[in-house]
Amino acid sequence: MNKLINIGYGNLVNVDKVIAIVSAESAPAKRQIIYAKDNHKIIDATQGRKTKSIIYTSDDYIITSSLQTDTLINRFER
Protein backbone atom coordinates (compact mmCIF):
# COMPACT_ATOMS: atom_id res chain seq x y z
CA MET A 1 0.00 0.00 0.00
CA ASN A 2 1.32 3.44 -0.94
CA LYS A 3 1.90 5.99 1.79
CA LEU A 4 -0.02 9.26 1.41
CA ILE A 5 1.02 12.53 3.05
CA ASN A 6 -1.24 15.51 3.79
CA ILE A 7 0.08 18.56 1.92
CA GLY A 8 -2.55 20.89 3.32
CA TYR A 9 -6.32 21.36 3.41
CA GLY A 10 -7.12 17.67 3.00
CA ASN A 11 -4.96 17.22 -0.11
CA LEU A 12 -2.79 14.10 -0.18
CA VAL A 13 0.19 13.08 -2.27
CA ASN A 14 1.78 9.67 -2.84
CA VAL A 15 5.23 9.64 -1.20
CA ASP A 16 6.61 7.25 -3.83
CA LYS A 17 5.96 9.79 -6.61
CA VAL A 18 7.73 12.76 -4.97
CA ILE A 19 11.12 13.75 -6.39
CA ALA A 20 11.73 17.09 -4.65
CA ILE A 21 10.18 19.72 -2.42
CA VAL A 22 11.40 23.30 -2.93
CA SER A 23 10.49 26.79 -1.80
CA ALA A 24 8.36 28.78 -4.23
CA GLU A 25 10.05 32.09 -3.41
CA SER A 26 12.87 32.04 -5.97
CA ALA A 27 12.55 33.38 -9.51
CA PRO A 28 13.38 29.99 -11.11
CA ALA A 29 10.66 28.31 -9.04
CA LYS A 30 8.14 30.93 -10.13
CA ARG A 31 9.15 30.36 -13.77
CA GLN A 32 8.62 26.62 -13.30
CA ILE A 33 5.08 27.29 -12.05
CA ILE A 34 4.33 29.43 -15.12
CA TYR A 35 5.80 26.76 -17.42
CA ALA A 36 3.74 24.03 -15.73
CA LYS A 37 0.55 26.09 -16.06
CA ASP A 38 1.20 26.67 -19.76
CA ASN A 39 1.70 22.92 -20.30
CA HIS A 40 -1.18 21.79 -18.07
CA LYS A 41 1.23 20.00 -15.72
CA ILE A 42 0.29 21.72 -12.46
CA ILE A 43 -1.88 20.65 -9.55
CA ASP A 44 -2.86 23.56 -7.32
CA ALA A 45 -3.38 22.40 -3.73
CA THR A 46 -3.24 25.88 -2.16
CA GLN A 47 -7.02 26.39 -1.83
CA GLY A 48 -6.55 29.99 -2.99
CA ARG A 49 -3.78 30.82 -0.54
CA LYS A 50 -0.22 31.95 -1.28
CA THR A 51 2.03 29.27 -2.77
CA LYS A 52 4.94 28.57 -0.41
CA SER A 53 6.18 25.18 -1.62
CA ILE A 54 6.48 23.28 -4.86
CA ILE A 55 6.43 19.48 -5.00
CA TYR A 56 7.94 17.86 -8.10
CA THR A 57 6.62 14.40 -9.00
CA SER A 58 8.00 11.55 -11.08
CA ASP A 59 5.06 12.00 -13.48
CA ASP A 60 6.39 15.46 -14.50
CA TYR A 61 3.68 17.26 -12.57
CA ILE A 62 4.23 20.16 -10.20
CA ILE A 63 2.05 20.39 -7.10
CA THR A 64 1.80 23.75 -5.35
CA SER A 65 1.15 23.89 -1.61
CA SER A 66 0.54 26.74 0.81
CA LEU A 67 2.45 24.95 3.57
CA GLN A 68 6.05 25.88 4.36
CA THR A 69 8.74 23.69 2.81
CA ASP A 70 10.06 22.69 6.25
CA THR A 71 6.59 21.56 7.35
CA LEU A 72 6.22 19.34 4.28
CA ILE A 73 9.70 17.87 4.71
CA ASN A 74 8.92 16.99 8.34
CA ARG A 75 5.73 15.22 7.25
CA PHE A 76 7.60 13.23 4.61
CA GLU A 77 10.31 12.17 7.06
CA ARG A 78 7.81 10.65 9.53
PDB file of N, CA and C in Angstrom:
ATOM      1  N   MET A   1       0.835  -1.181   0.000  1.00  0.00           N
ATOM      2  CA  MET A   1       0.000   0.000   0.000  1.00  0.00           C
ATOM      3  C   MET A   1       0.883   1.248   0.000  1.00  0.00           C
ATOM      4  N   ASN A   2       0.550   2.218  -0.839  1.00  0.00           N
ATOM      5  CA  ASN A   2       1.323   3.442  -0.937  1.00  0.00           C
ATOM      6  C   ASN A   2       1.016   4.372   0.228  1.00  0.00           C
ATOM      7  N   LYS A   3       2.064   5.048   0.698  1.00  0.00           N
ATOM      8  CA  LYS A   3       1.905   5.988   1.792  1.00  0.00           C
ATOM      9  C   LYS A   3       1.498   7.350   1.234  1.00  0.00           C
ATOM     10  N   LEU A   4       0.459   7.942   1.809  1.00  0.00           N
ATOM     11  CA  LEU A   4      -0.022   9.259   1.406  1.00  0.00           C
ATOM     12  C   LEU A   4       0.273  10.261   2.512  1.00  0.00           C
ATOM     13  N   ILE A   5       0.695  11.465   2.109  1.00  0.00           N
ATOM     14  CA  ILE A   5       1.020  12.527   3.052  1.00  0.00           C
ATOM     15  C   ILE A   5       0.105  13.718   2.798  1.00  0.00           C
ATOM     16  N   ASN A   6      -0.388  14.323   3.880  1.00  0.00           N
ATOM     17  CA  ASN A   6      -1.236  15.508   3.789  1.00  0.00           C
ATOM     18  C   ASN A   6      -0.363  16.715   3.441  1.00  0.00           C
ATOM     19  N   ILE A   7      -0.685  17.384   2.331  1.00  0.00           N
ATOM     20  CA  ILE A   7       0.080  18.565   1.920  1.00  0.00           C
ATOM     21  C   ILE A   7      -0.713  19.847   2.163  1.00  0.00           C
ATOM     22  N   GLY A   8      -1.768  19.728   2.940  1.00  0.00           N
ATOM     23  CA  GLY A   8      -2.554  20.893   3.324  1.00  0.00           C
ATOM     24  C   GLY A   8      -3.974  20.847   2.837  1.00  0.00           C
ATOM     25  N   TYR A   9      -4.901  21.207   3.724  1.00  0.00           N
ATOM     26  CA  TYR A   9      -6.319  21.358   3.409  1.00  0.00           C
ATOM     27  C   TYR A   9      -6.945  20.082   2.855  1.00  0.00           C
ATOM     28  N   GLY A  10      -6.531  18.948   3.390  1.00  0.00           N
ATOM     29  CA  GLY A  10      -7.118  17.674   2.997  1.00  0.00           C
ATOM     30  C   GLY A  10      -6.579  17.100   1.703  1.00  0.00           C
ATOM     31  N   ASN A  11      -5.572  17.721   1.123  1.00  0.00           N
ATOM     32  CA  ASN A  11      -4.963  17.217  -0.112  1.00  0.00           C
ATOM     33  C   ASN A  11      -3.833  16.259   0.238  1.00  0.00           C
ATOM     34  N   LEU A  12      -3.786  15.138  -0.448  1.00  0.00           N
ATOM     35  CA  LEU A  12      -2.795  14.103  -0.175  1.00  0.00           C
ATOM     36  C   LEU A  12      -1.948  13.845  -1.407  1.00  0.00           C
ATOM     37  N   VAL A  13      -0.697  13.429  -1.171  1.00  0.00           N
ATOM     38  CA  VAL A  13       0.191  13.084  -2.274  1.00  0.00           C
ATOM     39  C   VAL A  13       0.879  11.761  -1.944  1.00  0.00           C
ATOM     40  N   ASN A  14       1.112  10.960  -2.984  1.00  0.00           N
ATOM     41  CA  ASN A  14       1.778   9.673  -2.845  1.00  0.00           C
ATOM     42  C   ASN A  14       3.276   9.908  -2.644  1.00  0.00           C
ATOM     43  N   VAL A  15       3.819   9.432  -1.532  1.00  0.00           N
ATOM     44  CA  VAL A  15       5.225   9.641  -1.195  1.00  0.00           C
ATOM     45  C   VAL A  15       6.151   9.046  -2.256  1.00  0.00           C
ATOM     46  N   ASP A  16       5.766   7.919  -2.844  1.00  0.00           N
ATOM     47  CA  ASP A  16       6.612   7.247  -3.825  1.00  0.00           C
ATOM     48  C   ASP A  16       6.788   8.056  -5.108  1.00  0.00           C
ATOM     49  N   LYS A  17       5.908   8.995  -5.379  1.00  0.00           N
ATOM     50  CA  LYS A  17       5.957   9.793  -6.608  1.00  0.00           C
ATOM     51  C   LYS A  17       6.734  11.097  -6.456  1.00  0.00           C
ATOM     52  N   VAL A  18       7.085  11.474  -5.222  1.00  0.00           N
ATOM     53  CA  VAL A  18       7.731  12.762  -4.973  1.00  0.00           C
ATOM     54  C   VAL A  18       9.223  12.680  -5.272  1.00  0.00           C
ATOM     55  N   ILE A  19       9.695  13.648  -6.069  1.00  0.00           N
ATOM     56  CA  ILE A  19      11.120  13.745  -6.390  1.00  0.00           C
ATOM     57  C   ILE A  19      11.785  14.806  -5.523  1.00  0.00           C
ATOM     58  N   ALA A  20      11.139  15.973  -5.396  1.00  0.00           N
ATOM     59  CA  ALA A  20      11.735  17.087  -4.653  1.00  0.00           C
ATOM     60  C   ALA A  20      10.651  17.992  -4.094  1.00  0.00           C
ATOM     61  N   ILE A  21      11.021  18.683  -3.008  1.00  0.00           N
ATOM     62  CA  ILE A  21      10.176  19.721  -2.423  1.00  0.00           C
ATOM     63  C   ILE A  21      11.042  20.966  -2.316  1.00  0.00           C
ATOM     64  N   VAL A  22      10.604  22.067  -2.937  1.00  0.00           N
ATOM     65  CA  VAL A  22      11.397  23.295  -2.934  1.00  0.00           C
ATOM     66  C   VAL A  22      10.521  24.485  -2.544  1.00  0.00           C
ATOM     67  N   SER A  23      11.187  25.545  -2.116  1.00  0.00           N
ATOM     68  CA  SER A  23      10.489  26.785  -1.795  1.00  0.00           C
ATOM     69  C   SER A  23      10.042  27.460  -3.082  1.00  0.00           C
ATOM     70  N   ALA A  24       8.906  28.110  -3.043  1.00  0.00           N
ATOM     71  CA  ALA A  24       8.356  28.778  -4.229  1.00  0.00           C
ATOM     72  C   ALA A  24       8.774  30.242  -4.310  1.00  0.00           C
ATOM     73  N   GLU A  25       9.688  30.679  -3.479  1.00  0.00           N
ATOM     74  CA  GLU A  25      10.051  32.093  -3.409  1.00  0.00           C
ATOM     75  C   GLU A  25      11.048  32.538  -4.474  1.00  0.00           C
ATOM     76  N   SER A  26      11.836  31.637  -5.015  1.00  0.00           N
ATOM     77  CA  SER A  26      12.871  32.043  -5.973  1.00  0.00           C
ATOM     78  C   SER A  26      12.286  32.291  -7.358  1.00  0.00           C
ATOM     79  N   ALA A  27      12.996  33.084  -8.138  1.00  0.00           N
ATOM     80  CA  ALA A  27      12.553  33.382  -9.509  1.00  0.00           C
ATOM     81  C   ALA A  27      12.489  32.122 -10.376  1.00  0.00           C
ATOM     82  N   PRO A  28      13.487  31.213 -10.306  1.00  0.00           N
ATOM     83  CA  PRO A  28      13.383  29.989 -11.113  1.00  0.00           C
ATOM     84  C   PRO A  28      12.170  29.134 -10.745  1.00  0.00           C
ATOM     85  N   ALA A  29      11.834  29.083  -9.468  1.00  0.00           N
ATOM     86  CA  ALA A  29      10.660  28.310  -9.039  1.00  0.00           C
ATOM     87  C   ALA A  29       9.383  28.931  -9.595  1.00  0.00           C
ATOM     88  N   LYS A  30       9.315  30.245  -9.587  1.00  0.00           N
ATOM     89  CA  LYS A  30       8.140  30.932 -10.135  1.00  0.00           C
ATOM     90  C   LYS A  30       8.022  30.701 -11.635  1.00  0.00           C
ATOM     91  N   ARG A  31       9.166  30.658 -12.332  1.00  0.00           N
ATOM     92  CA  ARG A  31       9.151  30.360 -13.771  1.00  0.00           C
ATOM     93  C   ARG A  31       8.686  28.933 -14.024  1.00  0.00           C
ATOM     94  N   GLN A  32       9.063  28.012 -13.159  1.00  0.00           N
ATOM     95  CA  GLN A  32       8.615  26.623 -13.298  1.00  0.00           C
ATOM     96  C   GLN A  32       7.103  26.514 -13.141  1.00  0.00           C
ATOM     97  N   ILE A  33       6.535  27.290 -12.236  1.00  0.00           N
ATOM     98  CA  ILE A  33       5.080  27.291 -12.050  1.00  0.00           C
ATOM     99  C   ILE A  33       4.393  27.798 -13.316  1.00  0.00           C
ATOM    100  N   ILE A  34       4.906  28.879 -13.886  1.00  0.00           N
ATOM    101  CA  ILE A  34       4.332  29.430 -15.122  1.00  0.00           C
ATOM    102  C   ILE A  34       4.433  28.415 -16.255  1.00  0.00           C
ATOM    103  N   TYR A  35       5.595  27.770 -16.381  1.00  0.00           N
ATOM    104  CA  TYR A  35       5.798  26.760 -17.423  1.00  0.00           C
ATOM    105  C   TYR A  35       4.819  25.596 -17.246  1.00  0.00           C
ATOM    106  N   ALA A  36       4.648  25.146 -16.006  1.00  0.00           N
ATOM    107  CA  ALA A  36       3.736  24.029 -15.731  1.00  0.00           C
ATOM    108  C   ALA A  36       2.290  24.409 -16.049  1.00  0.00           C
ATOM    109  N   LYS A  37       1.904  25.640 -15.736  1.00  0.00           N
ATOM    110  CA  LYS A  37       0.545  26.090 -16.060  1.00  0.00           C
ATOM    111  C   LYS A  37       0.325  26.103 -17.568  1.00  0.00           C
ATOM    112  N   ASP A  38       1.316  26.600 -18.302  1.00  0.00           N
ATOM    113  CA  ASP A  38       1.201  26.667 -19.762  1.00  0.00           C
ATOM    114  C   ASP A  38       1.080  25.286 -20.391  1.00  0.00           C
ATOM    115  N   ASN A  39       1.691  24.279 -19.764  1.00  0.00           N
ATOM    116  CA  ASN A  39       1.700  22.921 -20.300  1.00  0.00           C
ATOM    117  C   ASN A  39       0.713  21.992 -19.591  1.00  0.00           C
ATOM    118  N   HIS A  40      -0.160  22.564 -18.785  1.00  0.00           N
ATOM    119  CA  HIS A  40      -1.185  21.788 -18.066  1.00  0.00           C
ATOM    120  C   HIS A  40      -0.564  20.666 -17.236  1.00  0.00           C
ATOM    121  N   LYS A  41       0.533  20.980 -16.548  1.00  0.00           N
ATOM    122  CA  LYS A  41       1.234  20.004 -15.717  1.00  0.00           C
ATOM    123  C   LYS A  41       1.304  20.465 -14.262  1.00  0.00           C
ATOM    124  N   ILE A  42       0.285  21.198 -13.827  1.00  0.00           N
ATOM    125  CA  ILE A  42       0.290  21.723 -12.465  1.00  0.00           C
ATOM    126  C   ILE A  42      -0.962  21.260 -11.722  1.00  0.00           C
ATOM    127  N   ILE A  43      -0.764  20.968 -10.445  1.00  0.00           N
ATOM    128  CA  ILE A  43      -1.875  20.650  -9.555  1.00  0.00           C
ATOM    129  C   ILE A  43      -1.811  21.674  -8.425  1.00  0.00           C
ATOM    130  N   ASP A  44      -2.833  22.502  -8.321  1.00  0.00           N
ATOM    131  CA  ASP A  44      -2.864  23.565  -7.319  1.00  0.00           C
ATOM    132  C   ASP A  44      -3.577  23.066  -6.067  1.00  0.00           C
ATOM    133  N   ALA A  45      -2.810  22.879  -4.993  1.00  0.00           N
ATOM    134  CA  ALA A  45      -3.377  22.401  -3.730  1.00  0.00           C
ATOM    135  C   ALA A  45      -3.356  23.498  -2.671  1.00  0.00           C
ATOM    136  N   THR A  46      -3.342  24.768  -3.104  1.00  0.00           N
ATOM    137  CA  THR A  46      -3.238  25.884  -2.165  1.00  0.00           C
ATOM    138  C   THR A  46      -4.575  26.350  -1.617  1.00  0.00           C
ATOM    139  N   GLN A  47      -5.683  25.951  -2.232  1.00  0.00           N
ATOM    140  CA  GLN A  47      -7.017  26.393  -1.831  1.00  0.00           C
ATOM    141  C   GLN A  47      -7.120  27.914  -1.851  1.00  0.00           C
ATOM    142  N   GLY A  48      -6.470  28.549  -2.825  1.00  0.00           N
ATOM    143  CA  GLY A  48      -6.548  29.992  -2.993  1.00  0.00           C
ATOM    144  C   GLY A  48      -5.576  30.787  -2.144  1.00  0.00           C
ATOM    145  N   ARG A  49      -4.754  30.129  -1.385  1.00  0.00           N
ATOM    146  CA  ARG A  49      -3.781  30.819  -0.538  1.00  0.00           C
ATOM    147  C   ARG A  49      -2.456  30.975  -1.277  1.00  0.00           C
ATOM    148  N   LYS A  50      -1.523  31.697  -0.669  1.00  0.00           N
ATOM    149  CA  LYS A  50      -0.224  31.947  -1.285  1.00  0.00           C
ATOM    150  C   LYS A  50       0.569  30.644  -1.405  1.00  0.00           C
ATOM    151  N   THR A  51       1.187  30.446  -2.556  1.00  0.00           N
ATOM    152  CA  THR A  51       2.031  29.270  -2.771  1.00  0.00           C
ATOM    153  C   THR A  51       3.349  29.457  -2.033  1.00  0.00           C
ATOM    154  N   LYS A  52       3.690  28.504  -1.162  1.00  0.00           N
ATOM    155  CA  LYS A  52       4.936  28.570  -0.406  1.00  0.00           C
ATOM    156  C   LYS A  52       5.884  27.437  -0.754  1.00  0.00           C
ATOM    157  N   SER A  53       5.355  26.336  -1.287  1.00  0.00           N
ATOM    158  CA  SER A  53       6.182  25.176  -1.617  1.00  0.00           C
ATOM    159  C   SER A  53       5.755  24.580  -2.949  1.00  0.00           C
ATOM    160  N   ILE A  54       6.731  23.980  -3.612  1.00  0.00           N
ATOM    161  CA  ILE A  54       6.476  23.276  -4.861  1.00  0.00           C
ATOM    162  C   ILE A  54       6.943  21.838  -4.683  1.00  0.00           C
ATOM    163  N   ILE A  55       6.096  20.901  -5.068  1.00  0.00           N
ATOM    164  CA  ILE A  55       6.426  19.478  -5.002  1.00  0.00           C
ATOM    165  C   ILE A  55       6.547  18.973  -6.433  1.00  0.00           C
ATOM    166  N   TYR A  56       7.714  18.440  -6.772  1.00  0.00           N
ATOM    167  CA  TYR A  56       7.940  17.859  -8.096  1.00  0.00           C
ATOM    168  C   TYR A  56       7.673  16.360  -8.017  1.00  0.00           C
ATOM    169  N   THR A  57       6.950  15.827  -8.999  1.00  0.00           N
ATOM    170  CA  THR A  57       6.621  14.402  -8.999  1.00  0.00           C
ATOM    171  C   THR A  57       7.311  13.678 -10.150  1.00  0.00           C
ATOM    172  N   SER A  58       7.368  12.368 -10.043  1.00  0.00           N
ATOM    173  CA  SER A  58       7.997  11.547 -11.082  1.00  0.00           C
ATOM    174  C   SER A  58       7.173  11.504 -12.361  1.00  0.00           C
ATOM    175  N   ASP A  59       5.927  11.959 -12.302  1.00  0.00           N
ATOM    176  CA  ASP A  59       5.056  12.000 -13.483  1.00  0.00           C
ATOM    177  C   ASP A  59       5.160  13.326 -14.227  1.00  0.00           C
ATOM    178  N   ASP A  60       6.169  14.142 -13.898  1.00  0.00           N
ATOM    179  CA  ASP A  60       6.393  15.463 -14.503  1.00  0.00           C
ATOM    180  C   ASP A  60       5.309  16.466 -14.162  1.00  0.00           C
ATOM    181  N   TYR A  61       4.648  16.282 -13.051  1.00  0.00           N
ATOM    182  CA  TYR A  61       3.681  17.258 -12.568  1.00  0.00           C
ATOM    183  C   TYR A  61       4.318  18.076 -11.454  1.00  0.00           C
ATOM    184  N   ILE A  62       3.829  19.296 -11.301  1.00  0.00           N
ATOM    185  CA  ILE A  62       4.227  20.157 -10.199  1.00  0.00           C
ATOM    186  C   ILE A  62       2.988  20.376  -9.343  1.00  0.00           C
ATOM    187  N   ILE A  63       3.147  20.167  -8.035  1.00  0.00           N
ATOM    188  CA  ILE A  63       2.048  20.386  -7.099  1.00  0.00           C
ATOM    189  C   ILE A  63       2.421  21.586  -6.239  1.00  0.00           C
ATOM    190  N   THR A  64       1.547  22.585  -6.191  1.00  0.00           N
ATOM    191  CA  THR A  64       1.801  23.748  -5.345  1.00  0.00           C
ATOM    192  C   THR A  64       1.062  23.582  -4.026  1.00  0.00           C
ATOM    193  N   SER A  65       1.725  23.995  -2.947  1.00  0.00           N
ATOM    194  CA  SER A  65       1.145  23.889  -1.613  1.00  0.00           C
ATOM    195  C   SER A  65       1.342  25.207  -0.876  1.00  0.00           C
ATOM    196  N   SER A  66       0.418  25.514   0.015  1.00  0.00           N
ATOM    197  CA  SER A  66       0.544  26.735   0.807  1.00  0.00           C
ATOM    198  C   SER A  66       1.243  26.481   2.143  1.00  0.00           C
ATOM    199  N   LEU A  67       1.690  25.258   2.363  1.00  0.00           N
ATOM    200  CA  LEU A  67       2.453  24.950   3.571  1.00  0.00           C
ATOM    201  C   LEU A  67       3.928  25.261   3.350  1.00  0.00           C
ATOM    202  N   GLN A  68       4.618  25.605   4.438  1.00  0.00           N
ATOM    203  CA  GLN A  68       6.048  25.877   4.364  1.00  0.00           C
ATOM    204  C   GLN A  68       6.801  24.615   3.940  1.00  0.00           C
ATOM    205  N   THR A  69       7.915  24.810   3.275  1.00  0.00           N
ATOM    206  CA  THR A  69       8.737  23.692   2.812  1.00  0.00           C
ATOM    207  C   THR A  69       9.186  22.821   3.982  1.00  0.00           C
ATOM    208  N   ASP A  70       9.609  23.442   5.082  1.00  0.00           N
ATOM    209  CA  ASP A  70      10.059  22.685   6.255  1.00  0.00           C
ATOM    210  C   ASP A  70       8.946  21.815   6.836  1.00  0.00           C
ATOM    211  N   THR A  71       7.732  22.323   6.843  1.00  0.00           N
ATOM    212  CA  THR A  71       6.589  21.556   7.346  1.00  0.00           C
ATOM    213  C   THR A  71       6.364  20.312   6.494  1.00  0.00           C
ATOM    214  N   LEU A  72       6.412  20.486   5.180  1.00  0.00           N
ATOM    215  CA  LEU A  72       6.222  19.342   4.283  1.00  0.00           C
ATOM    216  C   LEU A  72       7.338  18.319   4.446  1.00  0.00           C
ATOM    217  N   ILE A  73       8.569  18.791   4.554  1.00  0.00           N
ATOM    218  CA  ILE A  73       9.703  17.874   4.712  1.00  0.00           C
ATOM    219  C   ILE A  73       9.546  17.062   5.994  1.00  0.00           C
ATOM    220  N   ASN A  74       9.139  17.707   7.081  1.00  0.00           N
ATOM    221  CA  ASN A  74       8.919  16.985   8.344  1.00  0.00           C
ATOM    222  C   ASN A  74       7.844  15.920   8.197  1.00  0.00           C
ATOM    223  N   ARG A  75       6.800  16.205   7.463  1.00  0.00           N
ATOM    224  CA  ARG A  75       5.734  15.220   7.252  1.00  0.00           C
ATOM    225  C   ARG A  75       6.223  14.043   6.412  1.00  0.00           C
ATOM    226  N   PHE A  76       7.088  14.305   5.453  1.00  0.00           N
ATOM    227  CA  PHE A  76       7.603  13.228   4.614  1.00  0.00           C
ATOM    228  C   PHE A  76       8.600  12.361   5.366  1.00  0.00           C
ATOM    229  N   GLU A  77       9.310  12.930   6.317  1.00  0.00           N
ATOM    230  CA  GLU A  77      10.314  12.169   7.063  1.00  0.00           C
ATOM    231  C   GLU A  77       9.706  11.270   8.131  1.00  0.00           C
ATOM    232  N   ARG A  78       8.454  11.489   8.505  1.00  0.00           N
ATOM    233  CA  ARG A  78       7.811  10.651   9.529  1.00  0.00           C
ATOM    234  C   ARG A  78       7.528   9.278   9.020  1.00  0.00           C
TER     235      ARG A  78
END
